[in-house]
């Protein structure tokens, strides 16, 4: 059986009329900011205090878009009679976002949690050379990083928190015992 001539045109016009009567879903971007998922990937933020210049992020980056410069600095001994130590000091940390493919490998391999995903996505530049952002700009984006999701209620407490709580409880018990002994010794 052959189709009726013009039936395809009629179906197309019916679809057009249906969509014309519905409310539009287009958001006028510059005027209306989009609703982003809570942990969306925008740019990479740097928490400079945690960076030990281990260079793992730069070595593991498949695009080689992370540039790190550092120098060694001598730190005086912590206790008298101790020896001096040397530590790395971060001079430059830059990411070239014109090369970055946003894979997140640098964030995953960082052993000291110095790199995080920020939901910021408005960092367009008119010149491609300006897409290399230095540590000051990366640090600004760090403050836009959302809090990590809460642990499950039945999850095991992190070992660091458990150790800190145990130490705090122990110190509180010692102080309570000292207070009790001073009160008993002070009254006749």
Protein backbone atom coordinates (compact mmCIF):
# COMPACT_ATOMS: atom_id res chain seq x y z
CA UNK A 1 0.00 0.00 0.00
CA UNK A 2 1.44 3.34 -1.01
CA UNK A 3 1.43 6.28 1.41
CA UNK A 4 -0.90 9.15 0.83
CA UNK A 5 0.88 11.99 -0.92
CA UNK A 6 1.66 14.83 1.48
CA UNK A 7 1.19 12.74 4.66
CA UNK A 8 4.81 13.36 5.72
CA UNK A 9 4.30 17.09 5.35
CA UNK A 10 1.14 16.94 7.45
CA UNK A 11 2.92 14.99 10.22
CA UNK A 12 5.78 17.50 10.24
CA UNK A 13 3.39 20.44 10.48
CA UNK A 14 1.53 18.70 13.33
CA UNK A 15 4.80 18.34 15.29
CA UNK A 16 5.62 21.99 14.63
CA UNK A 17 2.22 23.15 15.87
CA UNK A 18 2.50 21.00 19.02
CA UNK A 19 5.91 22.46 19.93
CA UNK A 20 4.77 26.01 19.19
CA UNK A 21 2.09 25.78 21.88
CA UNK A 22 4.42 24.43 24.60
CA UNK A 23 6.46 26.64 26.92
CA UNK A 24 10.06 27.07 25.82
CA UNK A 25 12.82 25.40 27.79
CA UNK A 26 15.64 27.53 26.45
CA UNK A 27 17.41 29.43 29.22
CA UNK A 28 18.80 32.75 28.10
CA UNK A 29 22.29 32.02 29.44
CA UNK A 30 23.89 35.34 30.26
CA UNK A 31 20.72 36.60 31.90
CA UNK A 32 19.79 33.32 33.61
CA UNK A 33 22.46 31.23 35.31
CA UNK A 34 22.08 27.48 34.78
CA UNK A 35 21.31 25.11 37.64
CA UNK A 36 24.43 22.97 37.94
CA UNK A 37 24.64 19.58 39.63
CA UNK A 38 26.22 19.80 43.11
CA UNK A 39 29.59 18.22 42.16
CA UNK A 40 29.90 19.45 38.57
CA UNK A 41 33.31 19.81 36.94
CA UNK A 42 34.28 23.33 35.98
CA UNK A 43 37.88 24.30 36.63
CA UNK A 44 40.56 23.03 38.97
CA UNK A 45 41.09 24.90 42.23
CA UNK A 46 44.40 24.84 44.13
CA UNK A 47 44.63 24.69 47.92
CA UNK A 48 48.21 25.92 48.07
CA UNK A 49 48.82 25.12 51.75
CA UNK A 50 48.44 21.40 51.05
CA UNK A 51 50.78 21.34 48.05
CA UNK A 52 54.15 19.74 48.86
CA UNK A 53 55.50 20.09 45.30
CA UNK A 54 55.62 16.31 44.88
CA UNK A 55 54.99 16.82 41.13
CA UNK A 56 52.66 13.79 40.88
CA UNK A 57 49.93 15.83 39.21
CA UNK A 58 52.31 17.16 36.56
CA UNK A 59 53.83 13.73 35.92
CA UNK A 60 50.50 11.94 35.61
CA UNK A 61 48.81 14.56 33.42
CA UNK A 62 48.35 13.02 29.96
CA UNK A 63 48.32 16.47 28.33
CA UNK A 64 51.29 17.92 30.23
CA UNK A 65 49.31 21.07 30.92
CA UNK A 66 50.45 21.57 34.55
CA UNK A 67 53.56 23.68 35.14
CA UNK A 68 55.24 23.61 38.55
CA UNK A 69 58.39 25.43 39.68
CA UNK A 70 59.88 25.20 43.16
CA UNK A 71 63.02 25.66 45.19
CA UNK A 72 64.43 24.03 48.32
CA UNK A 73 64.51 25.94 51.58
CA UNK A 74 66.33 25.01 54.78
CA UNK A 75 64.16 24.81 57.88
CA UNK A 76 65.78 25.26 61.30
CA UNK A 77 65.63 22.32 63.73
CA UNK A 78 62.36 21.87 65.62
CA UNK A 79 64.15 21.05 68.87
CA UNK A 80 67.55 22.18 70.19
CA UNK A 81 70.28 19.82 69.06
CA UNK A 82 68.20 18.62 66.10
CA UNK A 83 69.27 18.77 62.51
CA UNK A 84 68.18 21.17 59.83
CA UNK A 85 65.73 19.93 57.26
CA UNK A 86 65.00 21.01 53.72
CA UNK A 87 61.56 21.41 52.23
CA UNK A 88 60.20 22.31 48.82
CA UNK A 89 58.66 25.75 48.40
CA UNK A 90 56.15 26.33 45.61
CA UNK A 91 57.18 29.14 43.26
CA UNK A 92 54.80 28.57 40.36
CA UNK A 93 51.75 26.38 39.83
CA UNK A 94 49.93 26.95 36.54
CA UNK A 95 47.42 25.01 34.49
CA UNK A 96 46.97 25.63 30.77
CA UNK A 97 43.24 25.15 30.28
CA UNK A 98 43.62 25.37 26.51
CA UNK A 99 45.38 21.98 26.72
CA UNK A 100 43.52 20.46 29.66
CA UNK A 101 41.01 17.74 28.79
CA UNK A 102 39.36 17.82 32.26
CA UNK A 103 40.03 14.15 32.94
CA UNK A 104 40.63 14.72 36.66
CA UNK A 105 43.68 12.48 36.92
CA UNK A 106 45.67 15.26 38.61
CA UNK A 107 43.00 15.58 41.31
CA UNK A 108 42.83 11.83 41.89
CA UNK A 109 46.60 11.31 42.20
CA UNK A 110 47.23 14.24 44.56
CA UNK A 111 48.13 12.53 47.87
CA UNK A 112 47.72 15.71 49.92
CA UNK A 113 44.34 16.98 48.63
CA UNK A 114 45.70 20.16 47.08
CA UNK A 115 43.57 20.04 43.91
CA UNK A 116 39.77 20.12 43.72
CA UNK A 117 37.01 20.51 41.13
CA UNK A 118 35.33 23.89 41.23
CA UNK A 119 31.93 24.40 39.59
CA UNK A 120 33.12 27.70 38.02
CA UNK A 121 32.81 27.54 34.25
CA UNK A 122 32.89 31.19 33.18
CA UNK A 123 36.57 31.72 32.48
CA UNK A 124 36.57 32.33 28.75
CA UNK A 125 39.33 34.54 27.35
CA UNK A 126 39.72 36.33 24.05
CA UNK A 127 43.33 35.19 23.66
CA UNK A 128 44.31 31.50 23.95
CA UNK A 129 47.53 32.47 25.77
CA UNK A 130 45.47 33.88 28.65
CA UNK A 131 43.99 30.43 29.38
CA UNK A 132 47.13 29.54 31.35
CA UNK A 133 46.03 30.38 34.87
CA UNK A 134 48.62 30.87 37.61
CA UNK A 135 48.29 29.84 41.25
CA UNK A 136 46.60 33.08 42.34
CA UNK A 137 43.69 32.50 39.98
CA UNK A 138 43.55 28.79 40.87
CA UNK A 139 43.47 29.77 44.56
CA UNK A 140 40.49 32.08 43.95
CA UNK A 141 38.52 29.17 42.51
CA UNK A 142 39.29 27.04 45.58
CA UNK A 143 36.76 29.01 47.62
CA UNK A 144 33.96 28.04 45.22
CA UNK A 145 34.50 24.31 45.80
CA UNK A 146 31.40 22.83 47.48
CA UNK A 147 31.62 20.81 50.66
CA UNK A 148 31.97 17.07 50.08
CA UNK A 149 28.82 15.02 50.55
CA UNK A 150 28.16 13.81 54.07
CA UNK A 151 29.10 10.28 55.02
CA UNK A 152 26.42 7.65 55.23
CA UNK A 153 24.89 7.49 58.72
CA UNK A 154 26.04 3.89 59.14
CA UNK A 155 29.54 4.51 57.77
CA UNK A 156 32.62 3.88 59.85
CA UNK A 157 34.18 6.99 61.38
CA UNK A 158 37.41 8.09 59.62
CA UNK A 159 40.55 6.89 61.40
CA UNK A 160 41.90 10.42 61.79
CA UNK A 161 38.73 11.60 63.51
CA UNK A 162 38.63 8.50 65.74
CA UNK A 163 42.27 9.01 66.80
CA UNK A 164 41.69 12.71 67.51
CA UNK A 165 38.54 11.92 69.51
CA UNK A 166 40.37 9.24 71.52
CA UNK A 167 43.20 11.67 72.36
CA UNK A 168 40.74 14.44 73.31
CA UNK A 169 38.77 12.05 75.56
CA UNK A 170 42.00 10.90 77.21
CA UNK A 171 43.10 14.50 77.89
CA UNK A 172 39.65 15.40 79.24
CA UNK A 173 39.75 12.39 81.61
CA UNK A 174 43.22 13.38 82.85
CA UNK A 175 42.10 16.97 83.48
CA UNK A 176 39.00 15.77 85.31
CA UNK A 177 41.13 13.46 87.45
CA UNK A 178 43.58 16.28 88.26
CA UNK A 179 40.70 18.60 89.15
CA UNK A 180 39.19 15.96 91.42
CA UNK A 181 42.53 15.32 93.15
CA UNK A 182 43.12 19.04 93.71
CA UNK A 183 39.62 19.40 95.22
CA UNK A 184 40.14 16.40 97.53
CA UNK A 185 43.58 17.59 98.60
CA UNK A 186 42.36 21.16 99.23
CA UNK A 187 39.49 20.24 101.63
CA UNK A 188 40.35 18.99 105.18
